[in-house]
Amino acid sequence: MDQPQYLLLMAVIQEQDLDSATKAMQGIGASLTYLSSAGGFLGRRNATLLVGLPADKLQDSLSVLREACKQRV
């Protein structure tokens, strides 16, 4: 019997998007935790999401993150 494959997805997002991204990922059944981080341009605060999900949910999770997170300049 084949065991289902699971993936660990790491995504660095802006802290302002953390709530919407977390709710969206939980909405598709992904398990996640986050780590606060900072750095990059102007030292803005970020969050690193660690997401555990079945391999067949990868494309769904990427779409959800694209919709939940905004691009800021």
C-alpha atoms as a PDB file:
ATOM      1  CA  MET A   1       0.000   0.000   0.000  1.00  0.00           C
ATOM      2  CA  ASP A   2       1.433   3.370  -1.024  1.00  0.00           C
ATOM      3  CA  GLN A   3       1.821   6.050   1.603  1.00  0.00           C
ATOM      4  CA  PRO A   4       0.678   9.565   0.615  1.00  0.00           C
ATOM      5  CA  GLN A   5       3.521  11.995  -0.005  1.00  0.00           C
ATOM      6  CA  TYR A   6       3.740  15.199   2.002  1.00  0.00           C
ATOM      7  CA  LEU A   7       5.719  18.360   1.322  1.00  0.00           C
ATOM      8  CA  LEU A   8       7.189  21.086   3.490  1.00  0.00           C
ATOM      9  CA  LEU A   9       6.676  24.469   1.844  1.00  0.00           C
ATOM     10  CA  MET A  10       8.604  27.500   3.094  1.00  0.00           C
ATOM     11  CA  ALA A  11       7.279  30.931   2.167  1.00  0.00           C
ATOM     12  CA  VAL A  12       8.642  34.307   3.275  1.00  0.00           C
ATOM     13  CA  ILE A  13       5.822  36.846   3.309  1.00  0.00           C
ATOM     14  CA  GLN A  14       5.373  40.354   4.645  1.00  0.00           C
ATOM     15  CA  GLU A  15       4.092  40.559   8.194  1.00  0.00           C
ATOM     16  CA  GLN A  16       1.013  42.530   7.060  1.00  0.00           C
ATOM     17  CA  ASP A  17      -0.138  39.476   5.075  1.00  0.00           C
ATOM     18  CA  LEU A  18       0.298  36.944   7.877  1.00  0.00           C
ATOM     19  CA  ASP A  19      -3.334  36.778   9.060  1.00  0.00           C
ATOM     20  CA  SER A  20      -4.874  36.496   5.602  1.00  0.00           C
ATOM     21  CA  ALA A  21      -2.276  33.959   4.426  1.00  0.00           C
ATOM     22  CA  THR A  22      -2.699  31.834   7.559  1.00  0.00           C
ATOM     23  CA  LYS A  23      -6.493  31.754   7.251  1.00  0.00           C
ATOM     24  CA  ALA A  24      -6.305  30.982   3.529  1.00  0.00           C
ATOM     25  CA  MET A  25      -3.844  28.117   4.020  1.00  0.00           C
ATOM     26  CA  GLN A  26      -5.916  26.633   6.834  1.00  0.00           C
ATOM     27  CA  GLY A  27      -8.919  26.882   4.512  1.00  0.00           C
ATOM     28  CA  ILE A  28      -7.349  24.325   2.161  1.00  0.00           C
ATOM     29  CA  GLY A  29      -6.424  22.019   5.043  1.00  0.00           C
ATOM     30  CA  ALA A  30      -2.712  22.822   5.330  1.00  0.00           C
ATOM     31  CA  SER A  31      -0.913  22.615   8.684  1.00  0.00           C
ATOM     32  CA  LEU A  32       1.396  25.535   9.343  1.00  0.00           C
ATOM     33  CA  THR A  33       3.476  27.508  11.756  1.00  0.00           C
ATOM     34  CA  TYR A  34       5.369  30.754  11.321  1.00  0.00           C
ATOM     35  CA  LEU A  35       8.592  32.379  12.439  1.00  0.00           C
ATOM     36  CA  SER A  36       9.019  36.132  12.709  1.00  0.00           C
ATOM     37  CA  SER A  37      11.927  37.468  10.691  1.00  0.00           C
ATOM     38  CA  ALA A  38      13.317  40.789   9.499  1.00  0.00           C
ATOM     39  CA  GLY A  39      15.701  41.982   6.872  1.00  0.00           C
ATOM     40  CA  GLY A  40      15.938  42.775   3.234  1.00  0.00           C
ATOM     41  CA  PHE A  41      15.206  46.182   1.808  1.00  0.00           C
ATOM     42  CA  LEU A  42      14.628  48.761   4.581  1.00  0.00           C
ATOM     43  CA  GLY A  43      14.704  46.016   7.234  1.00  0.00           C
ATOM     44  CA  ARG A  44      10.963  45.360   6.991  1.00  0.00           C
ATOM     45  CA  ARG A  45       9.387  42.704   9.164  1.00  0.00           C
ATOM     46  CA  ASN A  46       8.572  39.400   7.509  1.00  0.00           C
ATOM     47  CA  ALA A  47       7.113  36.070   8.501  1.00  0.00           C
ATOM     48  CA  THR A  48       8.454  32.733   7.339  1.00  0.00           C
ATOM     49  CA  LEU A  49       5.635  30.214   6.937  1.00  0.00           C
ATOM     50  CA  LEU A  50       6.414  26.522   7.328  1.00  0.00           C
ATOM     51  CA  VAL A  51       3.548  24.664   5.678  1.00  0.00           C
ATOM     52  CA  GLY A  52       2.975  20.914   5.716  1.00  0.00           C
ATOM     53  CA  LEU A  53       0.646  19.683   2.985  1.00  0.00           C
ATOM     54  CA  PRO A  54      -0.103  16.703   0.761  1.00  0.00           C
ATOM     55  CA  ALA A  55       1.875  16.768  -2.490  1.00  0.00           C
ATOM     56  CA  ASP A  56      -1.300  17.087  -4.559  1.00  0.00           C
ATOM     57  CA  LYS A  57      -2.184  20.387  -2.806  1.00  0.00           C
ATOM     58  CA  LEU A  58       0.999  22.229  -3.861  1.00  0.00           C
ATOM     59  CA  GLN A  59      -0.534  24.195  -6.748  1.00  0.00           C
ATOM     60  CA  ASP A  60      -3.587  25.073  -4.634  1.00  0.00           C
ATOM     61  CA  SER A  61      -1.370  26.405  -1.854  1.00  0.00           C
ATOM     62  CA  LEU A  62       0.708  28.534  -4.246  1.00  0.00           C
ATOM     63  CA  SER A  63      -2.468  30.033  -5.728  1.00  0.00           C
ATOM     64  CA  VAL A  64      -3.851  30.760  -2.260  1.00  0.00           C
ATOM     65  CA  LEU A  65      -0.623  32.500  -1.218  1.00  0.00           C
ATOM     66  CA  ARG A  66      -0.584  34.621  -4.377  1.00  0.00           C
ATOM     67  CA  GLU A  67      -4.133  35.784  -3.664  1.00  0.00           C
ATOM     68  CA  ALA A  68      -3.626  36.368   0.076  1.00  0.00           C
ATOM     69  CA  CYS A  69      -0.323  38.266  -0.143  1.00  0.00           C
ATOM     70  CA  LYS A  70       0.025  41.708  -1.678  1.00  0.00           C
ATOM     71  CA  GLN A  71       3.036  43.109  -3.489  1.00  0.00           C
ATOM     72  CA  ARG A  72       4.306  46.325  -1.916  1.00  0.00           C
ATOM     73  CA  VAL A  73       7.080  48.597  -3.119  1.00  0.00           C
END
